[in-house]
N, C-alpha and C. Protein backbone atom coordinates (compact mmCIF):
# COMPACT_ATOMS: atom_id res chain seq x y z
N MET A 1 122.94 84.87 -16.51
CA MET A 1 123.16 85.68 -17.70
C MET A 1 123.38 84.81 -18.91
N THR A 2 124.20 83.80 -18.70
CA THR A 2 124.49 82.90 -19.82
C THR A 2 123.24 82.19 -20.25
N GLY A 3 122.41 81.76 -19.31
CA GLY A 3 121.15 81.08 -19.64
C GLY A 3 120.23 81.98 -20.40
N ALA A 4 120.15 83.27 -20.01
CA ALA A 4 119.27 84.19 -20.70
C ALA A 4 119.73 84.43 -22.11
N LEU A 5 121.03 84.56 -22.30
CA LEU A 5 121.54 84.74 -23.67
C LEU A 5 121.29 83.52 -24.51
N HIS A 6 121.42 82.35 -23.90
CA HIS A 6 121.22 81.11 -24.64
C HIS A 6 119.76 80.98 -25.08
N THR A 7 118.82 81.39 -24.21
CA THR A 7 117.40 81.28 -24.56
C THR A 7 117.02 82.26 -25.64
N SER A 8 117.49 83.47 -25.55
CA SER A 8 117.13 84.47 -26.53
C SER A 8 117.73 84.22 -27.89
N SER A 9 118.82 83.45 -27.90
CA SER A 9 119.46 83.15 -29.19
C SER A 9 118.91 81.89 -29.84
N HIS A 10 117.94 81.21 -29.18
CA HIS A 10 117.37 79.98 -29.75
C HIS A 10 116.56 80.33 -31.00
N PRO A 11 116.67 79.55 -32.08
CA PRO A 11 116.01 79.89 -33.35
C PRO A 11 114.50 80.03 -33.23
N SER A 12 113.85 79.24 -32.36
CA SER A 12 112.40 79.28 -32.27
C SER A 12 111.88 80.59 -31.72
N PHE A 13 112.73 81.37 -31.11
CA PHE A 13 112.31 82.64 -30.55
C PHE A 13 112.71 83.82 -31.42
N HIS A 14 113.25 83.54 -32.58
CA HIS A 14 113.68 84.62 -33.47
C HIS A 14 112.44 85.28 -34.09
N PRO A 15 112.28 86.58 -33.98
CA PRO A 15 111.09 87.25 -34.52
C PRO A 15 110.89 87.01 -36.01
N ALA A 16 111.94 86.95 -36.77
CA ALA A 16 111.80 86.74 -38.21
C ALA A 16 111.22 85.37 -38.53
N LEU A 17 111.65 84.35 -37.76
CA LEU A 17 111.11 83.01 -37.99
C LEU A 17 109.64 82.94 -37.61
N LEU A 18 109.26 83.59 -36.51
CA LEU A 18 107.86 83.61 -36.11
C LEU A 18 106.98 84.28 -37.16
N ALA A 19 107.46 85.37 -37.71
CA ALA A 19 106.71 86.07 -38.75
C ALA A 19 106.56 85.20 -39.99
N ALA A 20 107.61 84.47 -40.35
CA ALA A 20 107.56 83.60 -41.52
C ALA A 20 106.54 82.47 -41.33
N GLU A 21 106.52 81.91 -40.11
CA GLU A 21 105.56 80.85 -39.83
C GLU A 21 104.13 81.36 -39.93
N GLU A 22 103.91 82.60 -39.44
CA GLU A 22 102.57 83.19 -39.50
C GLU A 22 102.14 83.42 -40.94
N VAL A 23 103.05 83.91 -41.79
CA VAL A 23 102.75 84.13 -43.20
C VAL A 23 102.43 82.81 -43.89
N GLU A 24 103.20 81.77 -43.55
CA GLU A 24 102.97 80.46 -44.17
C GLU A 24 101.61 79.89 -43.77
N ARG A 25 101.26 80.10 -42.49
CA ARG A 25 99.97 79.60 -42.02
C ARG A 25 98.82 80.29 -42.74
N ARG A 26 98.90 81.62 -42.86
CA ARG A 26 97.85 82.36 -43.55
C ARG A 26 97.79 82.01 -45.03
N SER A 27 98.93 81.77 -45.62
CA SER A 27 98.97 81.37 -47.03
C SER A 27 98.28 80.03 -47.23
N ALA A 28 98.49 79.11 -46.27
CA ALA A 28 97.85 77.79 -46.37
C ALA A 28 96.34 77.92 -46.27
N GLU A 29 95.88 78.84 -45.36
CA GLU A 29 94.44 79.05 -45.24
C GLU A 29 93.85 79.61 -46.52
N VAL A 30 94.54 80.57 -47.15
CA VAL A 30 94.06 81.15 -48.41
C VAL A 30 94.03 80.10 -49.50
N THR A 31 95.08 79.29 -49.56
CA THR A 31 95.12 78.22 -50.57
C THR A 31 93.99 77.22 -50.37
N ASP A 32 93.69 76.89 -49.10
CA ASP A 32 92.62 75.95 -48.81
C ASP A 32 91.27 76.52 -49.25
N TRP A 33 91.00 77.79 -48.99
CA TRP A 33 89.75 78.41 -49.42
C TRP A 33 89.65 78.47 -50.93
N ALA A 34 90.76 78.73 -51.60
CA ALA A 34 90.75 78.76 -53.07
C ALA A 34 90.40 77.39 -53.64
N ALA A 35 90.93 76.34 -53.03
CA ALA A 35 90.62 74.98 -53.49
C ALA A 35 89.15 74.66 -53.29
N ARG A 36 88.61 75.10 -52.15
CA ARG A 36 87.19 74.84 -51.88
C ARG A 36 86.30 75.57 -52.88
N ILE A 37 86.65 76.82 -53.15
CA ILE A 37 85.85 77.60 -54.10
C ILE A 37 85.91 76.96 -55.49
N ALA A 38 87.10 76.53 -55.88
CA ALA A 38 87.25 75.89 -57.19
C ALA A 38 86.44 74.59 -57.26
N TRP A 39 86.40 73.84 -56.16
CA TRP A 39 85.63 72.59 -56.13
C TRP A 39 84.14 72.87 -56.26
N VAL A 40 83.65 73.90 -55.54
CA VAL A 40 82.22 74.25 -55.60
C VAL A 40 81.85 74.72 -56.99
N VAL A 41 82.69 75.58 -57.59
CA VAL A 41 82.41 76.07 -58.94
C VAL A 41 82.39 74.91 -59.93
N GLY A 42 83.33 73.99 -59.80
CA GLY A 42 83.35 72.83 -60.69
C GLY A 42 82.11 71.97 -60.55
N LEU A 43 81.64 71.80 -59.30
CA LEU A 43 80.43 71.02 -59.06
C LEU A 43 79.20 71.69 -59.68
N LEU A 44 79.11 73.01 -59.53
CA LEU A 44 77.98 73.74 -60.11
C LEU A 44 77.99 73.65 -61.63
N LEU A 45 79.17 73.73 -62.22
CA LEU A 45 79.27 73.61 -63.68
C LEU A 45 78.85 72.22 -64.13
N PHE A 46 79.22 71.20 -63.36
CA PHE A 46 78.84 69.83 -63.71
C PHE A 46 77.33 69.64 -63.64
N VAL A 47 76.71 70.17 -62.58
CA VAL A 47 75.25 70.07 -62.45
C VAL A 47 74.56 70.80 -63.59
N ALA A 48 75.08 71.98 -63.94
CA ALA A 48 74.49 72.74 -65.04
C ALA A 48 74.61 71.99 -66.36
N LEU A 49 75.75 71.31 -66.56
CA LEU A 49 75.93 70.53 -67.79
C LEU A 49 74.95 69.36 -67.85
N VAL A 50 74.78 68.67 -66.73
CA VAL A 50 73.83 67.55 -66.70
C VAL A 50 72.42 68.03 -66.98
N TYR A 51 72.03 69.15 -66.37
CA TYR A 51 70.70 69.70 -66.59
C TYR A 51 70.51 70.09 -68.06
N TRP A 52 71.53 70.69 -68.65
CA TRP A 52 71.44 71.10 -70.06
C TRP A 52 71.30 69.88 -70.96
N LEU A 53 72.07 68.82 -70.68
CA LEU A 53 71.98 67.60 -71.48
C LEU A 53 70.60 66.96 -71.35
N MET A 54 70.04 66.96 -70.14
CA MET A 54 68.71 66.40 -69.95
C MET A 54 67.67 67.22 -70.71
N ARG A 55 67.81 68.53 -70.67
CA ARG A 55 66.85 69.38 -71.37
C ARG A 55 66.94 69.18 -72.88
N GLU A 56 68.17 69.09 -73.40
CA GLU A 56 68.33 68.86 -74.83
C GLU A 56 67.79 67.49 -75.23
N GLY A 57 68.02 66.49 -74.38
CA GLY A 57 67.48 65.16 -74.67
C GLY A 57 65.96 65.16 -74.66
N TRP A 58 65.37 65.91 -73.75
CA TRP A 58 63.91 66.04 -73.69
C TRP A 58 63.38 66.67 -74.98
N LYS A 59 64.04 67.77 -75.43
CA LYS A 59 63.61 68.46 -76.64
C LYS A 59 63.79 67.55 -77.86
N TRP A 60 64.88 66.81 -77.89
CA TRP A 60 65.12 65.89 -79.01
C TRP A 60 64.06 64.80 -79.06
N ARG A 61 63.69 64.27 -77.90
CA ARG A 61 62.65 63.24 -77.85
C ARG A 61 61.30 63.80 -78.29
N ALA A 62 61.01 65.04 -77.88
CA ALA A 62 59.75 65.67 -78.29
C ALA A 62 59.72 65.87 -79.81
N THR A 63 60.87 66.20 -80.40
CA THR A 63 60.93 66.35 -81.86
C THR A 63 60.66 65.03 -82.56
N LEU A 64 61.22 63.95 -82.03
CA LEU A 64 61.00 62.63 -82.64
C LEU A 64 59.53 62.22 -82.53
N GLN A 65 58.83 62.72 -81.52
CA GLN A 65 57.43 62.36 -81.31
C GLN A 65 56.48 63.40 -81.88
N GLY A 66 56.98 64.20 -82.82
CA GLY A 66 56.16 65.25 -83.41
C GLY A 66 54.98 64.74 -84.21
N ASP A 67 55.01 63.46 -84.59
CA ASP A 67 53.89 62.91 -85.36
C ASP A 67 52.71 62.52 -84.46
N LEU A 68 52.89 62.62 -83.15
CA LEU A 68 51.81 62.25 -82.25
C LEU A 68 50.72 63.32 -82.30
N PRO A 69 49.49 62.96 -82.60
CA PRO A 69 48.42 63.98 -82.72
C PRO A 69 48.12 64.62 -81.37
N PRO A 70 47.49 65.79 -81.39
CA PRO A 70 47.12 66.45 -80.13
C PRO A 70 46.21 65.57 -79.29
N LEU A 71 46.28 65.78 -77.99
CA LEU A 71 45.45 65.01 -77.07
C LEU A 71 44.01 65.51 -77.12
N ALA A 72 43.09 64.61 -76.83
CA ALA A 72 41.68 65.00 -76.76
C ALA A 72 41.47 65.88 -75.53
N PRO A 73 40.79 67.01 -75.68
CA PRO A 73 40.58 67.89 -74.53
C PRO A 73 39.55 67.30 -73.57
N LEU A 74 39.55 67.84 -72.36
CA LEU A 74 38.56 67.41 -71.38
C LEU A 74 37.18 67.85 -71.83
N PRO A 75 36.18 66.99 -71.74
CA PRO A 75 34.83 67.38 -72.18
C PRO A 75 34.18 68.33 -71.19
N ASP A 76 33.31 69.19 -71.70
CA ASP A 76 32.57 70.09 -70.82
C ASP A 76 31.62 69.31 -69.93
N GLU A 77 30.97 68.32 -70.50
CA GLU A 77 30.07 67.46 -69.74
C GLU A 77 30.28 66.03 -70.18
N GLY A 78 30.84 65.23 -69.29
CA GLY A 78 31.09 63.84 -69.63
C GLY A 78 30.14 62.88 -68.96
N GLY A 79 29.12 63.43 -68.28
CA GLY A 79 28.20 62.56 -67.57
C GLY A 79 28.69 62.32 -66.15
N ALA A 80 27.87 61.66 -65.38
CA ALA A 80 28.21 61.35 -64.00
C ALA A 80 29.37 60.35 -63.96
N PRO A 81 30.41 60.62 -63.17
CA PRO A 81 31.55 59.70 -63.13
C PRO A 81 31.20 58.39 -62.44
N VAL A 82 31.67 57.31 -63.04
CA VAL A 82 31.47 55.99 -62.45
C VAL A 82 32.50 55.75 -61.36
N LEU A 83 33.74 56.21 -61.61
CA LEU A 83 34.83 56.06 -60.65
C LEU A 83 35.63 57.35 -60.59
N ARG A 84 36.22 57.58 -59.45
CA ARG A 84 37.14 58.71 -59.28
C ARG A 84 38.43 58.20 -58.64
N LEU A 85 39.51 58.93 -58.90
CA LEU A 85 40.80 58.56 -58.33
C LEU A 85 41.63 59.82 -58.13
N SER A 86 42.18 59.97 -56.95
CA SER A 86 43.10 61.07 -56.65
C SER A 86 44.47 60.47 -56.38
N GLY A 87 45.47 60.99 -57.07
CA GLY A 87 46.81 60.43 -56.89
C GLY A 87 47.85 61.16 -57.71
N THR A 88 48.75 60.39 -58.29
CA THR A 88 49.89 60.94 -59.03
C THR A 88 49.93 60.35 -60.43
N TYR A 89 50.14 61.23 -61.40
CA TYR A 89 50.39 60.79 -62.78
C TYR A 89 51.90 60.65 -62.93
N HIS A 90 52.36 59.45 -63.27
CA HIS A 90 53.80 59.18 -63.33
C HIS A 90 54.38 59.25 -64.73
N GLY A 91 53.54 59.31 -65.75
CA GLY A 91 54.08 59.45 -67.10
C GLY A 91 53.45 58.48 -68.07
N THR A 92 53.84 58.64 -69.33
CA THR A 92 53.33 57.82 -70.42
C THR A 92 54.49 57.30 -71.24
N THR A 93 54.40 56.06 -71.66
CA THR A 93 55.44 55.44 -72.49
C THR A 93 54.78 54.69 -73.64
N THR A 94 55.60 54.26 -74.58
CA THR A 94 55.12 53.31 -75.58
C THR A 94 54.70 52.04 -74.87
N ALA A 95 53.57 51.48 -75.25
CA ALA A 95 53.03 50.31 -74.56
C ALA A 95 54.04 49.17 -74.53
N GLY A 96 54.26 48.64 -73.33
CA GLY A 96 55.17 47.52 -73.16
C GLY A 96 56.63 47.90 -73.07
N ARG A 97 56.95 49.19 -73.20
CA ARG A 97 58.34 49.65 -73.15
C ARG A 97 58.43 50.75 -72.09
N TRP A 98 58.66 50.36 -70.85
CA TRP A 98 58.50 51.26 -69.72
C TRP A 98 59.56 52.37 -69.65
N LEU A 99 60.61 52.27 -70.45
CA LEU A 99 61.63 53.32 -70.47
C LEU A 99 61.48 54.26 -71.67
N ASP A 100 60.61 53.92 -72.61
CA ASP A 100 60.43 54.75 -73.81
C ASP A 100 59.41 55.84 -73.50
N ARG A 101 59.86 56.87 -72.81
CA ARG A 101 58.97 57.93 -72.32
C ARG A 101 58.41 58.76 -73.47
N ILE A 102 57.13 59.08 -73.37
CA ILE A 102 56.47 60.00 -74.29
C ILE A 102 56.43 61.37 -73.62
N VAL A 103 57.01 62.39 -74.30
CA VAL A 103 57.06 63.73 -73.71
C VAL A 103 56.25 64.74 -74.52
N ALA A 104 55.81 64.37 -75.71
CA ALA A 104 55.04 65.31 -76.55
C ALA A 104 53.73 65.66 -75.87
N HIS A 105 53.28 66.91 -76.11
CA HIS A 105 51.99 67.41 -75.61
C HIS A 105 51.89 67.37 -74.08
N GLY A 106 53.03 67.47 -73.40
CA GLY A 106 53.02 67.51 -71.94
C GLY A 106 52.84 66.19 -71.26
N LEU A 107 52.88 65.08 -72.00
CA LEU A 107 52.69 63.78 -71.38
C LEU A 107 53.87 63.35 -70.52
N GLY A 108 55.00 64.03 -70.67
CA GLY A 108 56.18 63.64 -69.89
C GLY A 108 56.24 64.29 -68.52
N ALA A 109 55.33 65.21 -68.21
CA ALA A 109 55.38 65.94 -66.95
C ALA A 109 54.70 65.16 -65.84
N ARG A 110 55.47 64.76 -64.84
CA ARG A 110 54.90 64.06 -63.67
C ARG A 110 54.18 65.08 -62.80
N SER A 111 52.98 64.73 -62.31
CA SER A 111 52.20 65.69 -61.55
C SER A 111 51.11 64.98 -60.76
N ARG A 112 50.47 65.74 -59.90
CA ARG A 112 49.27 65.26 -59.25
C ARG A 112 48.17 65.12 -60.30
N ALA A 113 47.22 64.24 -60.05
CA ALA A 113 46.16 64.01 -61.04
C ALA A 113 44.88 63.59 -60.37
N GLU A 114 43.78 63.98 -61.02
CA GLU A 114 42.45 63.55 -60.63
C GLU A 114 41.84 62.83 -61.82
N LEU A 115 41.51 61.54 -61.65
CA LEU A 115 40.94 60.74 -62.72
C LEU A 115 39.44 60.56 -62.50
N SER A 116 38.70 60.64 -63.61
CA SER A 116 37.26 60.39 -63.58
C SER A 116 36.91 59.48 -64.74
N LEU A 117 36.20 58.41 -64.45
CA LEU A 117 35.75 57.49 -65.49
C LEU A 117 34.28 57.78 -65.79
N THR A 118 34.01 58.21 -67.02
CA THR A 118 32.65 58.51 -67.45
C THR A 118 32.39 57.78 -68.76
N GLY A 119 31.23 58.02 -69.32
CA GLY A 119 30.91 57.40 -70.60
C GLY A 119 31.81 57.90 -71.72
N ALA A 120 32.38 59.09 -71.54
CA ALA A 120 33.27 59.64 -72.57
C ALA A 120 34.66 59.02 -72.53
N GLY A 121 35.03 58.47 -71.38
CA GLY A 121 36.36 57.89 -71.24
C GLY A 121 36.95 58.23 -69.89
N VAL A 122 38.28 58.27 -69.85
CA VAL A 122 39.01 58.60 -68.61
C VAL A 122 39.49 60.04 -68.72
N ALA A 123 38.95 60.92 -67.88
CA ALA A 123 39.36 62.32 -67.85
C ALA A 123 40.50 62.46 -66.85
N VAL A 124 41.61 63.04 -67.31
CA VAL A 124 42.81 63.23 -66.48
C VAL A 124 42.99 64.73 -66.24
N GLU A 125 42.71 65.17 -65.04
CA GLU A 125 42.89 66.58 -64.68
C GLU A 125 44.18 66.71 -63.88
N ARG A 126 45.05 67.64 -64.32
CA ARG A 126 46.35 67.80 -63.68
C ARG A 126 46.57 69.27 -63.30
N PRO A 127 46.66 69.58 -62.05
CA PRO A 127 46.95 70.97 -61.65
C PRO A 127 48.38 71.33 -62.07
N GLY A 128 48.50 72.45 -62.76
CA GLY A 128 49.81 72.89 -63.21
C GLY A 128 50.24 72.30 -64.54
N ALA A 129 49.42 71.43 -65.11
CA ALA A 129 49.72 70.83 -66.42
C ALA A 129 48.40 70.64 -67.16
N ALA A 130 48.51 70.50 -68.48
CA ALA A 130 47.31 70.37 -69.30
C ALA A 130 46.62 69.04 -69.04
N GLY A 131 45.30 69.10 -68.82
CA GLY A 131 44.53 67.88 -68.68
C GLY A 131 44.20 67.30 -70.04
N PHE A 132 43.78 66.06 -70.05
CA PHE A 132 43.44 65.41 -71.31
C PHE A 132 42.44 64.30 -71.07
N LEU A 133 41.84 63.85 -72.16
CA LEU A 133 40.85 62.77 -72.10
C LEU A 133 41.37 61.57 -72.86
N ILE A 134 41.23 60.41 -72.25
CA ILE A 134 41.47 59.15 -72.95
C ILE A 134 40.10 58.65 -73.40
N PRO A 135 39.75 58.84 -74.67
CA PRO A 135 38.39 58.46 -75.12
C PRO A 135 38.11 56.99 -74.87
N SER A 136 36.85 56.70 -74.59
CA SER A 136 36.47 55.34 -74.24
C SER A 136 36.75 54.35 -75.36
N ASP A 137 36.61 54.80 -76.63
CA ASP A 137 36.85 53.87 -77.74
C ASP A 137 38.34 53.64 -78.01
N ARG A 138 39.20 54.38 -77.29
CA ARG A 138 40.65 54.20 -77.45
C ARG A 138 41.24 53.34 -76.33
N ILE A 139 40.48 53.12 -75.28
CA ILE A 139 41.00 52.36 -74.14
C ILE A 139 41.05 50.88 -74.47
N ARG A 140 42.21 50.28 -74.26
CA ARG A 140 42.36 48.85 -74.52
C ARG A 140 42.23 48.03 -73.23
N GLY A 141 42.48 48.66 -72.09
CA GLY A 141 42.39 47.95 -70.82
C GLY A 141 43.41 48.49 -69.84
N ALA A 142 43.59 47.77 -68.74
CA ALA A 142 44.50 48.23 -67.69
C ALA A 142 45.18 47.03 -67.04
N ARG A 143 46.22 47.34 -66.28
CA ARG A 143 46.94 46.31 -65.54
C ARG A 143 47.62 46.98 -64.34
N LEU A 144 48.05 46.18 -63.38
CA LEU A 144 48.83 46.67 -62.25
C LEU A 144 50.30 46.37 -62.53
N ASP A 145 51.15 47.34 -62.29
CA ASP A 145 52.57 47.19 -62.59
C ASP A 145 53.37 47.90 -61.50
N LYS A 146 54.71 47.83 -61.64
CA LYS A 146 55.57 48.45 -60.62
C LYS A 146 56.43 49.58 -61.16
N GLY A 147 56.44 49.81 -62.46
CA GLY A 147 57.31 50.86 -62.97
C GLY A 147 56.84 51.39 -64.32
N ILE A 148 57.15 52.68 -64.54
CA ILE A 148 56.85 53.31 -65.83
C ILE A 148 57.69 54.57 -65.94
N ALA A 149 58.14 54.87 -67.15
CA ALA A 149 58.91 56.08 -67.44
C ALA A 149 60.12 56.22 -66.52
N GLY A 150 60.78 55.10 -66.22
CA GLY A 150 61.96 55.13 -65.38
C GLY A 150 61.70 55.17 -63.90
N LYS A 151 60.43 55.25 -63.49
CA LYS A 151 60.06 55.29 -62.07
C LYS A 151 59.69 53.89 -61.61
N VAL A 152 60.37 53.40 -60.56
CA VAL A 152 60.12 52.06 -60.06
C VAL A 152 59.51 52.16 -58.67
N LEU A 153 58.38 51.48 -58.49
CA LEU A 153 57.69 51.43 -57.20
C LEU A 153 57.58 49.97 -56.77
N THR A 154 56.78 49.73 -55.77
CA THR A 154 56.58 48.35 -55.34
C THR A 154 55.68 47.62 -56.34
N GLU A 155 55.72 46.31 -56.28
CA GLU A 155 54.94 45.49 -57.21
C GLU A 155 53.45 45.80 -57.07
N GLY A 156 52.81 46.12 -58.22
CA GLY A 156 51.39 46.38 -58.23
C GLY A 156 50.98 47.75 -57.73
N ALA A 157 51.95 48.65 -57.54
CA ALA A 157 51.62 49.98 -56.98
C ALA A 157 51.12 50.94 -58.04
N LEU A 158 51.24 50.59 -59.32
CA LEU A 158 50.82 51.48 -60.40
C LEU A 158 49.62 50.91 -61.16
N LEU A 159 48.67 51.79 -61.46
CA LEU A 159 47.59 51.45 -62.37
C LEU A 159 48.01 51.94 -63.76
N VAL A 160 48.24 51.04 -64.68
CA VAL A 160 48.69 51.39 -66.02
C VAL A 160 47.55 51.18 -67.00
N ILE A 161 47.13 52.26 -67.65
CA ILE A 161 46.05 52.21 -68.63
C ILE A 161 46.67 52.20 -70.02
N THR A 162 46.32 51.21 -70.81
CA THR A 162 46.82 51.10 -72.18
C THR A 162 45.76 51.66 -73.12
N TRP A 163 46.19 52.56 -74.01
CA TRP A 163 45.23 53.21 -74.91
C TRP A 163 45.91 53.54 -76.23
N ALA A 164 45.09 53.67 -77.25
CA ALA A 164 45.59 53.97 -78.60
C ALA A 164 45.49 55.47 -78.84
N HIS A 165 46.57 56.01 -79.42
CA HIS A 165 46.57 57.43 -79.77
C HIS A 165 47.31 57.58 -81.08
N GLY A 166 46.57 58.03 -82.12
CA GLY A 166 47.17 58.03 -83.45
C GLY A 166 47.43 56.59 -83.87
N ASP A 167 48.65 56.36 -84.35
CA ASP A 167 49.01 54.99 -84.73
C ASP A 167 49.87 54.32 -83.68
N ARG A 168 49.85 54.84 -82.45
CA ARG A 168 50.66 54.28 -81.37
C ARG A 168 49.78 53.72 -80.27
N LEU A 169 50.33 52.73 -79.60
CA LEU A 169 49.70 52.16 -78.41
C LEU A 169 50.51 52.64 -77.21
N LEU A 170 49.84 53.30 -76.26
CA LEU A 170 50.53 53.94 -75.15
C LEU A 170 50.14 53.32 -73.82
N ASP A 171 51.05 53.47 -72.84
CA ASP A 171 50.79 53.12 -71.44
C ASP A 171 50.88 54.39 -70.61
N SER A 172 49.88 54.68 -69.82
CA SER A 172 49.91 55.81 -68.90
C SER A 172 49.79 55.27 -67.48
N GLY A 173 50.71 55.69 -66.60
CA GLY A 173 50.77 55.16 -65.25
C GLY A 173 50.25 56.14 -64.21
N PHE A 174 49.40 55.63 -63.32
CA PHE A 174 48.81 56.43 -62.25
C PHE A 174 48.96 55.66 -60.93
N ARG A 175 49.13 56.42 -59.86
CA ARG A 175 49.18 55.81 -58.53
C ARG A 175 48.18 56.52 -57.64
N SER A 176 47.20 55.78 -57.17
CA SER A 176 46.17 56.35 -56.32
C SER A 176 46.71 56.58 -54.91
N ASP A 177 46.16 57.58 -54.24
CA ASP A 177 46.50 57.79 -52.84
C ASP A 177 46.00 56.64 -51.98
N ARG A 178 45.00 55.92 -52.50
CA ARG A 178 44.45 54.75 -51.83
C ARG A 178 44.59 53.57 -52.79
N ALA A 179 45.60 52.76 -52.55
CA ALA A 179 45.95 51.68 -53.48
C ALA A 179 44.81 50.69 -53.70
N ALA A 180 43.89 50.58 -52.74
CA ALA A 180 42.79 49.63 -52.88
C ALA A 180 41.87 50.00 -54.03
N GLU A 181 41.90 51.26 -54.48
CA GLU A 181 41.04 51.70 -55.57
C GLU A 181 41.48 51.13 -56.92
N HIS A 182 42.71 50.70 -57.02
CA HIS A 182 43.21 50.19 -58.29
C HIS A 182 42.38 49.01 -58.79
N ALA A 183 41.95 48.16 -57.88
CA ALA A 183 41.19 46.97 -58.28
C ALA A 183 39.88 47.36 -58.95
N ASP A 184 39.22 48.41 -58.45
CA ASP A 184 37.95 48.85 -59.05
C ASP A 184 38.17 49.34 -60.48
N TRP A 185 39.26 50.08 -60.70
CA TRP A 185 39.56 50.56 -62.04
C TRP A 185 39.93 49.41 -62.97
N LEU A 186 40.63 48.45 -62.44
CA LEU A 186 41.00 47.29 -63.26
C LEU A 186 39.77 46.52 -63.69
N ASP A 187 38.79 46.39 -62.81
CA ASP A 187 37.54 45.70 -63.16
C ASP A 187 36.74 46.51 -64.17
N ALA A 188 36.73 47.84 -64.01
CA ALA A 188 35.92 48.67 -64.89
C ALA A 188 36.51 48.76 -66.30
N LEU A 189 37.82 48.84 -66.41
CA LEU A 189 38.46 49.00 -67.72
C LEU A 189 38.75 47.66 -68.39
N GLY A 190 38.83 46.60 -67.60
CA GLY A 190 39.13 45.29 -68.16
C GLY A 190 40.63 45.06 -68.21
N PRO A 191 41.06 43.83 -67.94
CA PRO A 191 42.50 43.54 -67.95
C PRO A 191 43.06 43.56 -69.37
N PHE A 192 44.25 44.10 -69.49
CA PHE A 192 44.94 44.11 -70.77
C PHE A 192 46.42 44.27 -70.51
N SER A 193 47.24 43.51 -71.23
CA SER A 193 48.68 43.64 -71.13
C SER A 193 49.29 43.57 -72.52
N PRO A 194 50.15 44.54 -72.88
CA PRO A 194 50.79 44.48 -74.20
C PRO A 194 51.81 43.36 -74.31
N PHE A 195 52.12 42.73 -73.18
CA PHE A 195 53.09 41.64 -73.21
C PHE A 195 52.45 40.31 -73.58
N ASP A 196 51.11 40.25 -73.48
CA ASP A 196 50.43 39.00 -73.83
C ASP A 196 50.39 38.83 -75.34
N PRO A 197 50.57 37.60 -75.84
CA PRO A 197 50.47 37.39 -77.28
C PRO A 197 49.05 37.64 -77.76
N PRO A 198 48.88 38.15 -78.96
CA PRO A 198 47.53 38.39 -79.46
C PRO A 198 46.75 37.10 -79.60
N ALA A 199 45.48 37.19 -79.35
CA ALA A 199 44.62 36.01 -79.46
C ALA A 199 44.52 35.58 -80.92
N PRO A 200 44.57 34.29 -81.17
CA PRO A 200 44.48 33.84 -82.56
C PRO A 200 43.13 34.19 -83.17
N ALA A 201 43.16 34.57 -84.41
CA ALA A 201 41.93 34.94 -85.10
C ALA A 201 41.04 33.72 -85.28
N GLN A 202 39.77 33.90 -84.99
CA GLN A 202 38.83 32.81 -85.14
C GLN A 202 38.30 32.79 -86.57
N THR A 203 38.41 31.66 -87.20
CA THR A 203 37.94 31.51 -88.58
C THR A 203 36.61 30.76 -88.58
N ALA A 204 35.71 31.22 -89.42
CA ALA A 204 34.41 30.58 -89.53
C ALA A 204 34.56 29.23 -90.20
N PRO A 205 33.80 28.26 -89.77
CA PRO A 205 33.90 26.93 -90.41
C PRO A 205 33.50 27.01 -91.88
N ALA A 206 34.21 26.23 -92.69
CA ALA A 206 33.95 26.25 -94.13
C ALA A 206 32.56 25.68 -94.42
N LYS A 207 31.90 26.39 -95.29
CA LYS A 207 30.56 25.93 -95.67
C LYS A 207 30.66 24.92 -96.80
N THR A 208 29.95 23.80 -96.64
CA THR A 208 29.95 22.76 -97.68
C THR A 208 28.77 22.98 -98.62
N ALA A 209 29.07 22.90 -99.89
CA ALA A 209 28.02 23.10 -100.87
C ALA A 209 27.05 21.93 -100.84
N PRO A 210 25.75 22.17 -100.96
CA PRO A 210 24.78 21.07 -100.95
C PRO A 210 25.00 20.14 -102.13
N ALA A 211 24.80 18.87 -101.90
CA ALA A 211 24.99 17.87 -102.97
C ALA A 211 23.94 18.07 -104.05
N LYS A 212 24.41 18.01 -105.28
CA LYS A 212 23.51 18.18 -106.41
C LYS A 212 22.77 16.87 -106.65
N THR A 213 21.47 17.00 -106.89
CA THR A 213 20.65 15.83 -107.18
C THR A 213 20.25 15.83 -108.63
N ALA A 214 20.18 14.69 -109.19
CA ALA A 214 19.81 14.57 -110.61
C ALA A 214 18.35 14.91 -110.80
N PRO A 215 18.00 15.47 -111.97
CA PRO A 215 16.58 15.77 -112.24
C PRO A 215 15.74 14.50 -112.14
N GLU A 216 14.45 14.70 -111.86
CA GLU A 216 13.54 13.58 -111.66
C GLU A 216 13.44 12.70 -112.89
N GLY A 217 13.47 13.30 -114.08
CA GLY A 217 13.31 12.49 -115.29
C GLY A 217 14.56 11.74 -115.69
N ALA A 218 15.72 12.16 -115.10
CA ALA A 218 16.97 11.53 -115.49
C ALA A 218 17.24 10.30 -114.67
N ARG A 219 16.46 10.04 -113.65
CA ARG A 219 16.70 8.85 -112.82
C ARG A 219 16.24 7.60 -113.51
């Protein structure tokens, strides 16, 4: 009898204490879920802020590049293509400045691309984005590089075409699905790098005036 009374009077078996422990446990679970929800909401707000800042920066850059003239449209008939390339268009930058992205006229949109080299120039067809032509008289040449518009690949994985548009010199980067094709395009367009110093201007040799001879009677 004494043992039974002693056990029933132990604090751990008191119904009120058990109920309090249960309430505390449930309260902790609710508090934990509230913290998780607050963390997720905070993360979503942060992602939304970053996206908004990127979008505003994109719009601001496009405004600064408002002086860039419209791109040449794809020709209806450009002749039989000399070369073709299927791959990815990685973007366009100011020539020699691989982080100075050009976003005006849709040049900032990375996409799949089909390139064709014809007598008219380099035709760039992009599904889901506006295609454009790099006229042949605007092409300065090409080079192999590893990065453009903030995108870094392996050394020589990008075919970069340098061309003039308006009063700017631009670099457009493409990556073929078959990297071996880059060499053919490099040969066809000719090597060019905006990092190379300009070739010194060649001056014609000075012409010497013929020596004057005295008249026959004055000798």
